[in-house]
PDB file of N, CA and C in Angstrom:
ATOM      1  N   UNK A   1      85.390 -76.883-188.270  1.00  0.00           N
ATOM      2  CA  UNK A   1      85.306 -78.205-188.875  1.00  0.00           C
ATOM      3  C   UNK A   1      84.313 -79.035-188.084  1.00  0.00           C
ATOM      4  N   UNK A   2      83.524 -79.858-188.786  1.00  0.00           N
ATOM      5  CA  UNK A   2      82.451 -80.614-188.131  1.00  0.00           C
ATOM      6  C   UNK A   2      82.715 -82.114-188.111  1.00  0.00           C
ATOM      7  N   UNK A   3      83.927 -82.520-188.448  1.00  0.00           N
ATOM      8  CA  UNK A   3      84.267 -83.942-188.479  1.00  0.00           C
ATOM      9  C   UNK A   3      84.060 -84.563-187.108  1.00  0.00           C
ATOM     10  N   UNK A   4      83.413 -85.700-187.081  1.00  0.00           N
ATOM     11  CA  UNK A   4      83.222 -86.439-185.849  1.00  0.00           C
ATOM     12  C   UNK A   4      82.001 -86.046-185.046  1.00  0.00           C
ATOM     13  N   UNK A   5      81.413 -84.917-185.347  1.00  0.00           N
ATOM     14  CA  UNK A   5      80.212 -84.508-184.632  1.00  0.00           C
ATOM     15  C   UNK A   5      79.031 -85.344-185.099  1.00  0.00           C
ATOM     16  N   UNK A   6      78.073 -85.603-184.205  1.00  0.00           N
ATOM     17  CA  UNK A   6      76.852 -86.279-184.661  1.00  0.00           C
ATOM     18  C   UNK A   6      76.082 -85.354-185.610  1.00  0.00           C
ATOM     19  N   UNK A   7      75.321 -85.957-186.481  1.00  0.00           N
ATOM     20  CA  UNK A   7      74.516 -85.166-187.411  1.00  0.00           C
ATOM     21  C   UNK A   7      73.425 -84.427-186.639  1.00  0.00           C
ATOM     22  N   UNK A   8      73.231 -83.145-186.930  1.00  0.00           N
ATOM     23  CA  UNK A   8      72.160 -82.398-186.247  1.00  0.00           C
ATOM     24  C   UNK A   8      70.789 -82.988-186.578  1.00  0.00           C
ATOM     25  N   UNK A   9      69.893 -82.907-185.627  1.00  0.00           N
ATOM     26  CA  UNK A   9      68.549 -83.452-185.796  1.00  0.00           C
ATOM     27  C   UNK A   9      67.854 -82.866-187.018  1.00  0.00           C
ATOM     28  N   UNK A  10      67.983 -81.559-187.245  1.00  0.00           N
ATOM     29  CA  UNK A  10      67.328 -80.938-188.404  1.00  0.00           C
ATOM     30  C   UNK A  10      67.869 -81.499-189.719  1.00  0.00           C
ATOM     31  N   UNK A  11      69.136 -81.847-189.756  1.00  0.00           N
ATOM     32  CA  UNK A  11      69.729 -82.445-190.950  1.00  0.00           C
ATOM     33  C   UNK A  11      69.187 -83.857-191.155  1.00  0.00           C
ATOM     34  N   UNK A  12      69.119 -84.625-190.089  1.00  0.00           N
ATOM     35  CA  UNK A  12      68.564 -85.984-190.156  1.00  0.00           C
ATOM     36  C   UNK A  12      67.119 -85.932-190.638  1.00  0.00           C
ATOM     37  N   UNK A  13      66.332 -85.015-190.086  1.00  0.00           N
ATOM     38  CA  UNK A  13      64.923 -84.892-190.484  1.00  0.00           C
ATOM     39  C   UNK A  13      64.802 -84.504-191.958  1.00  0.00           C
ATOM     40  N   UNK A  14      65.670 -83.603-192.433  1.00  0.00           N
ATOM     41  CA  UNK A  14      65.647 -83.216-193.841  1.00  0.00           C
ATOM     42  C   UNK A  14      65.971 -84.422-194.727  1.00  0.00           C
ATOM     43  N   UNK A  15      67.012 -85.140-194.400  1.00  0.00           N
ATOM     44  CA  UNK A  15      67.394 -86.305-195.205  1.00  0.00           C
ATOM     45  C   UNK A  15      66.286 -87.356-195.205  1.00  0.00           C
ATOM     46  N   UNK A  16      65.691 -87.585-194.062  1.00  0.00           N
ATOM     47  CA  UNK A  16      64.642 -88.603-193.978  1.00  0.00           C
ATOM     48  C   UNK A  16      63.390 -88.192-194.743  1.00  0.00           C
ATOM     49  N   UNK A  17      63.119 -86.923-194.844  1.00  0.00           N
ATOM     50  CA  UNK A  17      61.897 -86.490-195.523  1.00  0.00           C
ATOM     51  C   UNK A  17      62.101 -86.100-196.987  1.00  0.00           C
ATOM     52  N   UNK A  18      63.328 -85.811-197.407  1.00  0.00           N
ATOM     53  CA  UNK A  18      63.553 -85.311-198.757  1.00  0.00           C
ATOM     54  C   UNK A  18      64.436 -86.183-199.640  1.00  0.00           C
ATOM     55  N   UNK A  19      65.295 -86.992-199.063  1.00  0.00           N
ATOM     56  CA  UNK A  19      66.302 -87.715-199.841  1.00  0.00           C
ATOM     57  C   UNK A  19      66.133 -89.219-199.641  1.00  0.00           C
ATOM     58  N   UNK A  20      65.927 -89.918-200.760  1.00  0.00           N
ATOM     59  CA  UNK A  20      65.708 -91.366-200.704  1.00  0.00           C
ATOM     60  C   UNK A  20      66.894 -92.190-201.185  1.00  0.00           C
ATOM     61  N   UNK A  21      67.876 -91.550-201.798  1.00  0.00           N
ATOM     62  CA  UNK A  21      69.011 -92.310-202.329  1.00  0.00           C
ATOM     63  C   UNK A  21      70.237 -91.418-202.412  1.00  0.00           C
ATOM     64  N   UNK A  22      71.378 -92.056-202.511  1.00  0.00           N
ATOM     65  CA  UNK A  22      72.623 -91.315-202.676  1.00  0.00           C
ATOM     66  C   UNK A  22      72.605 -90.588-204.018  1.00  0.00           C
ATOM     67  N   UNK A  23      72.026 -91.194-205.037  1.00  0.00           N
ATOM     68  CA  UNK A  23      71.941 -90.535-206.346  1.00  0.00           C
ATOM     69  C   UNK A  23      71.138 -89.234-206.240  1.00  0.00           C
ATOM     70  N   UNK A  24      70.061 -89.223-205.472  1.00  0.00           N
ATOM     71  CA  UNK A  24      69.296 -87.986-205.267  1.00  0.00           C
ATOM     72  C   UNK A  24      70.150 -86.938-204.563  1.00  0.00           C
ATOM     73  N   UNK A  25      70.882 -87.367-203.554  1.00  0.00           N
ATOM     74  CA  UNK A  25      71.743 -86.448-202.822  1.00  0.00           C
ATOM     75  C   UNK A  25      72.829 -85.889-203.739  1.00  0.00           C
ATOM     76  N   UNK A  26      73.446 -86.753-204.528  1.00  0.00           N
ATOM     77  CA  UNK A  26      74.495 -86.309-205.451  1.00  0.00           C
ATOM     78  C   UNK A  26      73.927 -85.333-206.484  1.00  0.00           C
ATOM     79  N   UNK A  27      72.748 -85.617-207.008  1.00  0.00           N
ATOM     80  CA  UNK A  27      72.124 -84.716-207.980  1.00  0.00           C
ATOM     81  C   UNK A  27      71.842 -83.357-207.342  1.00  0.00           C
ATOM     82  N   UNK A  28      71.288 -83.363-206.145  1.00  0.00           N
ATOM     83  CA  UNK A  28      70.984 -82.106-205.456  1.00  0.00           C
ATOM     84  C   UNK A  28      72.251 -81.288-205.239  1.00  0.00           C
ATOM     85  N   UNK A  29      73.314 -81.938-204.802  1.00  0.00           N
ATOM     86  CA  UNK A  29      74.554 -81.213-204.541  1.00  0.00           C
ATOM     87  C   UNK A  29      75.211 -80.733-205.833  1.00  0.00           C
ATOM     88  N   UNK A  30      75.088 -81.497-206.900  1.00  0.00           N
ATOM     89  CA  UNK A  30      75.597 -81.061-208.204  1.00  0.00           C
ATOM     90  C   UNK A  30      74.841 -79.816-208.668  1.00  0.00           C
ATOM     91  N   UNK A  31      73.534 -79.846-208.570  1.00  0.00           N
ATOM     92  CA  UNK A  31      72.730 -78.688-208.966  1.00  0.00           C
ATOM     93  C   UNK A  31      73.056 -77.475-208.092  1.00  0.00           C
ATOM     94  N   UNK A  32      73.301 -77.703-206.832  1.00  0.00           N
ATOM     95  CA  UNK A  32      73.667 -76.613-205.918  1.00  0.00           C
ATOM     96  C   UNK A  32      74.992 -75.976-206.338  1.00  0.00           C
ATOM     97  N   UNK A  33      75.941 -76.810-206.770  1.00  0.00           N
ATOM     98  CA  UNK A  33      77.252 -76.296-207.188  1.00  0.00           C
ATOM     99  C   UNK A  33      77.197 -75.569-208.531  1.00  0.00           C
ATOM    100  N   UNK A  34      76.135 -75.775-209.290  1.00  0.00           N
ATOM    101  CA  UNK A  34      76.015 -75.179-210.627  1.00  0.00           C
ATOM    102  C   UNK A  34      74.698 -74.417-210.743  1.00  0.00           C
ATOM    103  N   UNK A  35      74.502 -73.375-209.914  1.00  0.00           N
ATOM    104  CA  UNK A  35      73.194 -72.709-209.846  1.00  0.00           C
ATOM    105  C   UNK A  35      72.765 -72.022-211.138  1.00  0.00           C
ATOM    106  N   UNK A  36      73.700 -71.712-212.016  1.00  0.00           N
ATOM    107  CA  UNK A  36      73.349 -71.026-213.260  1.00  0.00           C
ATOM    108  C   UNK A  36      73.151 -71.975-214.437  1.00  0.00           C
ATOM    109  N   UNK A  37      73.239 -73.272-214.173  1.00  0.00           N
ATOM    110  CA  UNK A  37      73.117 -74.272-215.234  1.00  0.00           C
ATOM    111  C   UNK A  37      71.758 -74.945-215.133  1.00  0.00           C
ATOM    112  N   UNK A  38      71.132 -75.139-216.290  1.00  0.00           N
ATOM    113  CA  UNK A  38      69.886 -75.909-216.358  1.00  0.00           C
ATOM    114  C   UNK A  38      70.228 -77.280-216.907  1.00  0.00           C
ATOM    115  N   UNK A  39      69.783 -78.318-216.196  1.00  0.00           N
ATOM    116  CA  UNK A  39      70.145 -79.697-216.512  1.00  0.00           C
ATOM    117  C   UNK A  39      68.948 -80.464-217.064  1.00  0.00           C
ATOM    118  N   UNK A  40      69.158 -81.157-218.165  1.00  0.00           N
ATOM    119  CA  UNK A  40      68.146 -82.089-218.669  1.00  0.00           C
ATOM    120  C   UNK A  40      68.375 -83.425-217.971  1.00  0.00           C
ATOM    121  N   UNK A  41      67.400 -84.302-218.076  1.00  0.00           N
ATOM    122  CA  UNK A  41      67.556 -85.644-217.506  1.00  0.00           C
ATOM    123  C   UNK A  41      68.716 -86.371-218.180  1.00  0.00           C
ATOM    124  N   UNK A  42      68.871 -86.185-219.482  1.00  0.00           N
ATOM    125  CA  UNK A  42      69.966 -86.849-220.210  1.00  0.00           C
ATOM    126  C   UNK A  42      71.325 -86.363-219.709  1.00  0.00           C
ATOM    127  N   UNK A  43      71.440 -85.061-219.500  1.00  0.00           N
ATOM    128  CA  UNK A  43      72.706 -84.512-219.015  1.00  0.00           C
ATOM    129  C   UNK A  43      73.012 -85.000-217.600  1.00  0.00           C
ATOM    130  N   UNK A  44      71.984 -85.035-216.765  1.00  0.00           N
ATOM    131  CA  UNK A  44      72.176 -85.515-215.397  1.00  0.00           C
ATOM    132  C   UNK A  44      72.546 -86.994-215.390  1.00  0.00           C
ATOM    133  N   UNK A  45      71.910 -87.755-216.250  1.00  0.00           N
ATOM    134  CA  UNK A  45      72.202 -89.193-216.339  1.00  0.00           C
ATOM    135  C   UNK A  45      73.671 -89.426-216.678  1.00  0.00           C
ATOM    136  N   UNK A  46      74.172 -88.702-217.646  1.00  0.00           N
ATOM    137  CA  UNK A  46      75.580 -88.848-218.025  1.00  0.00           C
ATOM    138  C   UNK A  46      76.501 -88.457-216.873  1.00  0.00           C
ATOM    139  N   UNK A  47      76.159 -87.399-216.191  1.00  0.00           N
ATOM    140  CA  UNK A  47      77.015 -86.904-215.109  1.00  0.00           C
ATOM    141  C   UNK A  47      77.044 -87.849-213.913  1.00  0.00           C
ATOM    142  N   UNK A  48      75.901 -88.485-213.623  1.00  0.00           N
ATOM    143  CA  UNK A  48      75.811 -89.383-212.462  1.00  0.00           C
ATOM    144  C   UNK A  48      76.008 -90.858-212.823  1.00  0.00           C
ATOM    145  N   UNK A  49      76.199 -91.138-214.112  1.00  0.00           N
ATOM    146  CA  UNK A  49      76.385 -92.524-214.580  1.00  0.00           C
ATOM    147  C   UNK A  49      75.179 -93.393-214.239  1.00  0.00           C
ATOM    148  N   UNK A  50      74.003 -92.865-214.546  1.00  0.00           N
ATOM    149  CA  UNK A  50      72.763 -93.603-214.337  1.00  0.00           C
ATOM    150  C   UNK A  50      71.944 -93.509-215.620  1.00  0.00           C
ATOM    151  N   UNK A  51      70.837 -94.230-215.671  1.00  0.00           N
ATOM    152  CA  UNK A  51      69.985 -94.183-216.861  1.00  0.00           C
ATOM    153  C   UNK A  51      69.212 -92.870-216.899  1.00  0.00           C
ATOM    154  N   UNK A  52      68.779 -92.503-218.088  1.00  0.00           N
ATOM    155  CA  UNK A  52      67.996 -91.275-218.234  1.00  0.00           C
ATOM    156  C   UNK A  52      66.663 -91.356-217.482  1.00  0.00           C
ATOM    157  N   UNK A  53      65.939 -92.493-217.541  1.00  0.00           N
ATOM    158  CA  UNK A  53      64.703 -92.566-216.737  1.00  0.00           C
ATOM    159  C   UNK A  53      64.962 -92.416-215.233  1.00  0.00           C
ATOM    160  N   UNK A  54      66.066 -92.987-214.752  1.00  0.00           N
ATOM    161  CA  UNK A  54      66.405 -92.824-213.331  1.00  0.00           C
ATOM    162  C   UNK A  54      66.714 -91.364-213.012  1.00  0.00           C
ATOM    163  N   UNK A  55      67.437 -90.699-213.907  1.00  0.00           N
ATOM    164  CA  UNK A  55      67.759 -89.285-213.699  1.00  0.00           C
ATOM    165  C   UNK A  55      66.490 -88.445-213.683  1.00  0.00           C
ATOM    166  N   UNK A  56      65.569 -88.735-214.597  1.00  0.00           N
ATOM    167  CA  UNK A  56      64.307 -87.992-214.625  1.00  0.00           C
ATOM    168  C   UNK A  56      63.522 -88.208-213.332  1.00  0.00           C
ATOM    169  N   UNK A  57      63.511 -89.427-212.846  1.00  0.00           N
ATOM    170  CA  UNK A  57      62.818 -89.720-211.589  1.00  0.00           C
ATOM    171  C   UNK A  57      63.454 -88.949-210.426  1.00  0.00           C
ATOM    172  N   UNK A  58      64.766 -88.880-210.402  1.00  0.00           N
ATOM    173  CA  UNK A  58      65.469 -88.141-209.347  1.00  0.00           C
ATOM    174  C   UNK A  58      65.146 -86.658-209.425  1.00  0.00           C
ATOM    175  N   UNK A  59      65.238 -86.086-210.608  1.00  0.00           N
ATOM    176  CA  UNK A  59      64.962 -84.662-210.779  1.00  0.00           C
ATOM    177  C   UNK A  59      63.514 -84.325-210.429  1.00  0.00           C
ATOM    178  N   UNK A  60      62.602 -85.184-210.841  1.00  0.00           N
ATOM    179  CA  UNK A  60      61.190 -84.979-210.518  1.00  0.00           C
ATOM    180  C   UNK A  60      60.960 -85.043-209.014  1.00  0.00           C
ATOM    181  N   UNK A  61      61.595 -86.005-208.362  1.00  0.00           N
ATOM    182  CA  UNK A  61      61.484 -86.143-206.910  1.00  0.00           C
ATOM    183  C   UNK A  61      61.968 -84.869-206.214  1.00  0.00           C
ATOM    184  N   UNK A  62      63.135 -84.380-206.618  1.00  0.00           N
ATOM    185  CA  UNK A  62      63.689 -83.177-205.994  1.00  0.00           C
ATOM    186  C   UNK A  62      62.831 -81.947-206.273  1.00  0.00           C
ATOM    187  N   UNK A  63      62.248 -81.892-207.448  1.00  0.00           N
ATOM    188  CA  UNK A  63      61.332 -80.788-207.762  1.00  0.00           C
ATOM    189  C   UNK A  63      60.081 -80.861-206.878  1.00  0.00           C
ATOM    190  N   UNK A  64      59.543 -82.068-206.725  1.00  0.00           N
ATOM    191  CA  UNK A  64      58.348 -82.239-205.884  1.00  0.00           C
ATOM    192  C   UNK A  64      58.620 -81.877-204.427  1.00  0.00           C
ATOM    193  N   UNK A  65      59.877 -81.990-204.013  1.00  0.00           N
ATOM    194  CA  UNK A  65      60.256 -81.640-202.643  1.00  0.00           C
ATOM    195  C   UNK A  65      60.762 -80.202-202.549  1.00  0.00           C
ATOM    196  N   UNK A  66      60.446 -79.406-203.584  1.00  0.00           N
ATOM    197  CA  UNK A  66      60.715 -77.965-203.586  1.00  0.00           C
ATOM    198  C   UNK A  66      62.191 -77.583-203.566  1.00  0.00           C
ATOM    199  N   UNK A  67      63.066 -78.485-203.999  1.00  0.00           N
ATOM    200  CA  UNK A  67      64.495 -78.189-204.027  1.00  0.00           C
ATOM    201  C   UNK A  67      64.950 -77.636-205.375  1.00  0.00           C
ATOM    202  N   UNK A  68      64.194 -77.914-206.426  1.00  0.00           N
ATOM    203  CA  UNK A  68      64.571 -77.520-207.778  1.00  0.00           C
ATOM    204  C   UNK A  68      63.451 -76.762-208.456  1.00  0.00           C
ATOM    205  N   UNK A  69      63.838 -76.017-209.466  1.00  0.00           N
ATOM    206  CA  UNK A  69      62.875 -75.415-210.372  1.00  0.00           C
ATOM    207  C   UNK A  69      63.010 -76.104-211.722  1.00  0.00           C
ATOM    208  N   UNK A  70      62.002 -75.957-212.573  1.00  0.00           N
ATOM    209  CA  UNK A  70      62.033 -76.585-213.902  1.00  0.00           C
ATOM    210  C   UNK A  70      61.523 -75.586-214.922  1.00  0.00           C
ATOM    211  N   UNK A  71      62.197 -75.553-216.072  1.00  0.00           N
ATOM    212  CA  UNK A  71      61.789 -74.708-217.187  1.00  0.00           C
ATOM    213  C   UNK A  71      62.136 -75.443-218.471  1.00  0.00           C
ATOM    214  N   UNK A  72      61.140 -75.680-219.320  1.00  0.00           N
ATOM    215  CA  UNK A  72      61.362 -76.373-220.598  1.00  0.00           C
ATOM    216  C   UNK A  72      62.087 -77.706-220.421  1.00  0.00           C
ATOM    217  N   UNK A  73      61.630 -78.499-219.465  1.00  0.00           N
ATOM    218  CA  UNK A  73      62.169 -79.835-219.198  1.00  0.00           C
ATOM    219  C   UNK A  73      63.636 -79.822-218.776  1.00  0.00           C
ATOM    220  N   UNK A  74      64.093 -78.688-218.273  1.00  0.00           N
ATOM    221  CA  UNK A  74      65.431 -78.593-217.696  1.00  0.00           C
ATOM    222  C   UNK A  74      65.271 -78.119-216.257  1.00  0.00           C
ATOM    223  N   UNK A  75      66.134 -78.622-215.415  1.00  0.00           N
ATOM    224  CA  UNK A  75      66.035 -78.381-213.978  1.00  0.00           C
ATOM    225  C   UNK A  75      67.199 -77.526-213.508  1.00  0.00           C
ATOM    226  N   UNK A  76      66.922 -76.687-212.518  1.00  0.00           N
ATOM    227  CA  UNK A  76      67.953 -75.842-211.946  1.00  0.00           C
ATOM    228  C   UNK A  76      67.781 -75.780-210.430  1.00  0.00           C
ATOM    229  N   UNK A  77      68.870 -75.456-209.771  1.00  0.00           N
ATOM    230  CA  UNK A  77      68.837 -75.312-208.319  1.00  0.00           C
ATOM    231  C   UNK A  77      68.006 -74.088-207.979  1.00  0.00           C
ATOM    232  N   UNK A  78      66.893 -74.317-207.295  1.00  0.00           N
ATOM    233  CA  UNK A  78      65.986 -73.231-206.970  1.00  0.00           C
ATOM    234  C   UNK A  78      65.118 -73.638-205.780  1.00  0.00           C
ATOM    235  N   UNK A  79      65.719 -73.686-204.588  1.00  0.00           N
ATOM    236  CA  UNK A  79      64.914 -74.026-203.411  1.00  0.00           C
ATOM    237  C   UNK A  79      63.786 -73.022-203.235  1.00  0.00           C
ATOM    238  N   UNK A  80      62.632 -73.500-202.789  1.00  0.00           N
ATOM    239  CA  UNK A  80      61.434 -72.669-202.703  1.00  0.00           C
ATOM    240  C   UNK A  80      61.403 -71.743-201.486  1.00  0.00           C
ATOM    241  N   UNK A  81      62.380 -71.908-200.575  1.00  0.00           N
ATOM    242  CA  UNK A  81      62.391 -71.042-199.395  1.00  0.00           C
ATOM    243  C   UNK A  81      63.819 -70.862-198.900  1.00  0.00           C
ATOM    244  N   UNK A  82      64.012 -69.816-198.108  1.00  0.00           N
ATOM    245  CA  UNK A  82      65.315 -69.575-197.493  1.00  0.00           C
ATOM    246  C   UNK A  82      65.666 -70.718-196.541  1.00  0.00           C
ATOM    247  N   UNK A  83      64.680 -71.216-195.825  1.00  0.00           N
ATOM    248  CA  UNK A  83      64.910 -72.319-194.880  1.00  0.00           C
ATOM    249  C   UNK A  83      65.393 -73.557-195.628  1.00  0.00           C
ATOM    250  N   UNK A  84      64.772 -73.868-196.729  1.00  0.00           N
ATOM    251  CA  UNK A  84      65.184 -75.026-197.530  1.00  0.00           C
ATOM    252  C   UNK A  84      66.583 -74.806-198.100  1.00  0.00           C
ATOM    253  N   UNK A  85      66.867 -73.622-198.559  1.00  0.00           N
ATOM    254  CA  UNK A  85      68.195 -73.295-199.064  1.00  0.00           C
ATOM    255  C   UNK A  85      69.249 -73.470-197.970  1.00  0.00           C
ATOM    256  N   UNK A  86      68.916 -73.013-196.779  1.00  0.00           N
ATOM    257  CA  UNK A  86      69.825 -73.156-195.646  1.00  0.00           C
ATOM    258  C   UNK A  86      70.066 -74.627-195.308  1.00  0.00           C
ATOM    259  N   UNK A  87      69.017 -75.427-195.374  1.00  0.00           N
ATOM    260  CA  UNK A  87      69.164 -76.859-195.084  1.00  0.00           C
ATOM    261  C   UNK A  87      70.055 -77.540-196.119  1.00  0.00           C
ATOM    262  N   UNK A  88      69.907 -77.164-197.363  1.00  0.00           N
ATOM    263  CA  UNK A  88      70.724 -77.769-198.414  1.00  0.00           C
ATOM    264  C   UNK A  88      72.187 -77.372-198.236  1.00  0.00           C
ATOM    265  N   UNK A  89      72.427 -76.151-197.798  1.00  0.00           N
ATOM    266  CA  UNK A  89      73.796 -75.726-197.489  1.00  0.00           C
ATOM    267  C   UNK A  89      74.360 -76.567-196.346  1.00  0.00           C
ATOM    268  N   UNK A  90      73.545 -76.832-195.343  1.00  0.00           N
ATOM    269  CA  UNK A  90      73.963 -77.675-194.218  1.00  0.00           C
ATOM    270  C   UNK A  90      74.267 -79.091-194.698  1.00  0.00           C
ATOM    271  N   UNK A  91      73.435 -79.610-195.592  1.00  0.00           N
ATOM    272  CA  UNK A  91      73.678 -80.931-196.172  1.00  0.00           C
ATOM    273  C   UNK A  91      75.048 -80.960-196.852  1.00  0.00           C
ATOM    274  N   UNK A  92      75.327 -79.962-197.666  1.00  0.00           N
ATOM    275  CA  UNK A  92      76.606 -79.909-198.382  1.00  0.00           C
ATOM    276  C   UNK A  92      77.781 -79.836-197.416  1.00  0.00           C
ATOM    277  N   UNK A  93      77.626 -79.030-196.382  1.00  0.00           N
ATOM    278  CA  UNK A  93      78.692 -78.876-195.394  1.00  0.00           C
ATOM    279  C   UNK A  93      78.991 -80.200-194.691  1.00  0.00           C
ATOM    280  N   UNK A  94      77.953 -80.882-194.241  1.00  0.00           N
ATOM    281  CA  UNK A  94      78.147 -82.139-193.533  1.00  0.00           C
ATOM    282  C   UNK A  94      78.567 -83.268-194.474  1.00  0.00           C
ATOM    283  N   UNK A  95      78.076 -83.259-195.696  1.00  0.00           N
ATOM    284  CA  UNK A  95      78.434 -84.314-196.653  1.00  0.00           C
ATOM    285  C   UNK A  95      79.929 -84.281-196.946  1.00  0.00           C
ATOM    286  N   UNK A  96      80.524 -83.106-196.919  1.00  0.00           N
ATOM    287  CA  UNK A  96      81.951 -82.971-197.190  1.00  0.00           C
ATOM    288  C   UNK A  96      82.812 -83.593-196.087  1.00  0.00           C
ATOM    289  N   UNK A  97      82.286 -83.670-194.870  1.00  0.00           N
ATOM    290  CA  UNK A  97      83.083 -84.178-193.756  1.00  0.00           C
ATOM    291  C   UNK A  97      82.476 -85.390-193.048  1.00  0.00           C
ATOM    292  N   UNK A  98      81.198 -85.649-193.288  1.00  0.00           N
ATOM    293  CA  UNK A  98      80.491 -86.749-192.610  1.00  0.00           C
ATOM    294  C   UNK A  98      79.854 -87.683-193.635  1.00  0.00           C
ATOM    295  N   UNK A  99      80.594 -88.017-194.667  1.00  0.00           N
ATOM    296  CA  UNK A  99      80.087 -88.839-195.764  1.00  0.00           C
ATOM    297  C   UNK A  99      79.504 -90.163-195.272  1.00  0.00           C
ATOM    298  N   UNK A 100      80.219 -90.876-194.462  1.00  0.00           N
ATOM    299  CA  UNK A 100      79.774 -92.212-194.030  1.00  0.00           C
ATOM    300  C   UNK A 100      78.511 -92.143-193.174  1.00  0.00           C
ATOM    301  N   UNK A 101      78.448 -91.304-192.140  1.00  0.00           N
ATOM    302  CA  UNK A 101      77.189 -91.240-191.372  1.00  0.00           C
ATOM    303  C   UNK A 101      75.986 -90.830-192.231  1.00  0.00           C
ATOM    304  N   UNK A 102      76.205 -89.906-193.170  1.00  0.00           N
ATOM    305  CA  UNK A 102      75.086 -89.471-194.008  1.00  0.00           C
ATOM    306  C   UNK A 102      74.643 -90.582-194.952  1.00  0.00           C
ATOM    307  N   UNK A 103      75.589 -91.259-195.586  1.00  0.00           N
ATOM    308  CA  UNK A 103      75.196 -92.331-196.502  1.00  0.00           C
ATOM    309  C   UNK A 103      74.580 -93.500-195.742  1.00  0.00           C
ATOM    310  N   UNK A 104      75.086 -93.787-194.558  1.00  0.00           N
ATOM    311  CA  UNK A 104      74.482 -94.853-193.750  1.00  0.00           C
ATOM    312  C   UNK A 104      73.035 -94.527-193.402  1.00  0.00           C
ATOM    313  N   UNK A 105      72.779 -93.276-193.066  1.00  0.00           N
ATOM    314  CA  UNK A 105      71.418 -92.852-192.738  1.00  0.00           C
ATOM    315  C   UNK A 105      70.488 -93.026-193.936  1.00  0.00           C
ATOM    316  N   UNK A 106      70.933 -92.611-195.098  1.00  0.00           N
ATOM    317  CA  UNK A 106      70.101 -92.727-196.304  1.00  0.00           C
ATOM    318  C   UNK A 106      69.874 -94.188-196.663  1.00  0.00           C
ATOM    319  N   UNK A 107      70.921 -94.992-196.577  1.00  0.00           N
ATOM    320  CA  UNK A 107      70.777 -96.417-196.897  1.00  0.00           C
ATOM    321  C   UNK A 107      69.881 -97.145-195.895  1.00  0.00           C
ATOM    322  N   UNK A 108      69.821 -96.652-194.677  1.00  0.00           N
ATOM    323  CA  UNK A 108      69.004 -97.311-193.649  1.00  0.00           C
ATOM    324  C   UNK A 108      67.522 -97.003-193.803  1.00  0.00           C
ATOM    325  N   UNK A 109      67.202 -96.009-194.595  1.00  0.00           N
ATOM    326  CA  UNK A 109      65.801 -95.618-194.785  1.00  0.00           C
ATOM    327  C   UNK A 109      65.081 -96.718-195.565  1.00  0.00           C
ATOM    328  N   UNK A 110      64.023 -97.278-194.997  1.00  0.00           N
ATOM    329  CA  UNK A 110      63.327 -98.383-195.678  1.00  0.00           C
ATOM    330  C   UNK A 110      62.725 -97.943-197.014  1.00  0.00           C
ATOM    331  N   UNK A 111      63.128 -98.606-198.077  1.00  0.00           N
ATOM    332  CA  UNK A 111      62.698 -98.253-199.429  1.00  0.00           C
ATOM    333  C   UNK A 111      61.197 -98.446-199.637  1.00  0.00           C
ATOM    334  N   UNK A 112      60.650 -99.545-199.158  1.00  0.00           N
ATOM    335  CA  UNK A 112      59.221 -99.789-199.380  1.00  0.00           C
ATOM    336  C   UNK A 112      58.357 -98.748-198.697  1.00  0.00           C
ATOM    337  N   UNK A 113      58.778 -98.295-197.537  1.00  0.00           N
ATOM    338  CA  UNK A 113      58.023 -97.256-196.845  1.00  0.00           C
ATOM    339  C   UNK A 113      58.068 -95.967-197.654  1.00  0.00           C
ATOM    340  N   UNK A 114      59.243 -95.627-198.211  1.00  0.00           N
ATOM    341  CA  UNK A 114      59.362 -94.424-199.043  1.00  0.00           C
ATOM    342  C   UNK A 114      58.454 -94.532-200.258  1.00  0.00           C
ATOM    343  N   UNK A 115      58.467 -95.678-200.925  1.00  0.00           N
ATOM    344  CA  UNK A 115      57.648 -95.851-202.126  1.00  0.00           C
ATOM    345  C   UNK A 115      56.170 -95.757-201.790  1.00  0.00           C
ATOM    346  N   UNK A 116      55.763 -96.353-200.688  1.00  0.00           N
ATOM    347  CA  UNK A 116      54.373 -96.289-200.263  1.00  0.00           C
ATOM    348  C   UNK A 116      53.973 -94.841-199.978  1.00  0.00           C
ATOM    349  N   UNK A 117      54.815 -94.119-199.241  1.00  0.00           N
ATOM    350  CA  UNK A 117      54.520 -92.722-198.916  1.00  0.00           C
ATOM    351  C   UNK A 117      54.465 -91.867-200.179  1.00  0.00           C
ATOM    352  N   UNK A 118      55.366 -92.117-201.120  1.00  0.00           N
ATOM    353  CA  UNK A 118      55.387 -91.341-202.358  1.00  0.00           C
ATOM    354  C   UNK A 118      54.111 -91.536-203.178  1.00  0.00           C
ATOM    355  N   UNK A 119      53.476 -92.674-203.044  1.00  0.00           N
ATOM    356  CA  UNK A 119      52.255 -92.934-203.793  1.00  0.00           C
ATOM    357  C   UNK A 119      51.125 -91.988-203.391  1.00  0.00           C
ATOM    358  N   UNK A 120      51.225 -91.406-202.199  1.00  0.00           N
ATOM    359  CA  UNK A 120      50.174 -90.527-201.699  1.00  0.00           C
ATOM    360  C   UNK A 120      50.510 -89.036-201.823  1.00  0.00           C
ATOM    361  N   UNK A 121      51.660 -88.715-202.383  1.00  0.00           N
ATOM    362  CA  UNK A 121      52.041 -87.308-202.530  1.00  0.00           C
ATOM    363  C   UNK A 121      51.295 -86.692-203.700  1.00  0.00           C
ATOM    364  N   UNK A 122      50.867 -85.486-203.494  1.00  0.00           N
ATOM    365  CA  UNK A 122      50.179 -84.751-204.543  1.00  0.00           C
ATOM    366  C   UNK A 122      51.184 -83.945-205.333  1.00  0.00           C
ATOM    367  N   UNK A 123      51.065 -83.976-206.632  1.00  0.00           N
ATOM    368  CA  UNK A 123      51.940 -83.192-207.490  1.00  0.00           C
ATOM    369  C   UNK A 123      51.453 -81.761-207.525  1.00  0.00           C
ATOM    370  N   UNK A 124      52.354 -80.824-207.781  1.00  0.00           N
ATOM    371  CA  UNK A 124      52.030 -79.394-207.784  1.00  0.00           C
ATOM    372  C   UNK A 124      51.755 -78.879-209.185  1.00  0.00           C
ATOM    373  N   UNK A 125      51.594 -79.749-210.157  1.00  0.00           N
ATOM    374  CA  UNK A 125      51.383 -79.318-211.554  1.00  0.00           C
ATOM    375  C   UNK A 125      50.125 -78.552-211.738  1.00  0.00           C
TER     376      UNK A 125
END
């Protein structure tokens, strides 16, 4: 059990570089729990109680960060590397027992800095 332990540095670095919101984290973990399901933005929106444009933005963000695959406008859990898959497993493990430290870390991430940095990311299309 990992309750009470500080978050590992590699986990903090992953969250800071890949996850900008709790909704993104929840979407990633939902997709991880349902690896054989392909999700549309509309389906994700209903599941997370958010708007469809917000869901599409989340799914696109996670795809750009190599956490998801996409086929016919549906997204599935498909990390691009074993290392990324391992990190997502670590995220799930810690999220189950360290919810508050993880959410505090994500909420503390400056939004304007994330938006500015995202403006310079190249798409893989």
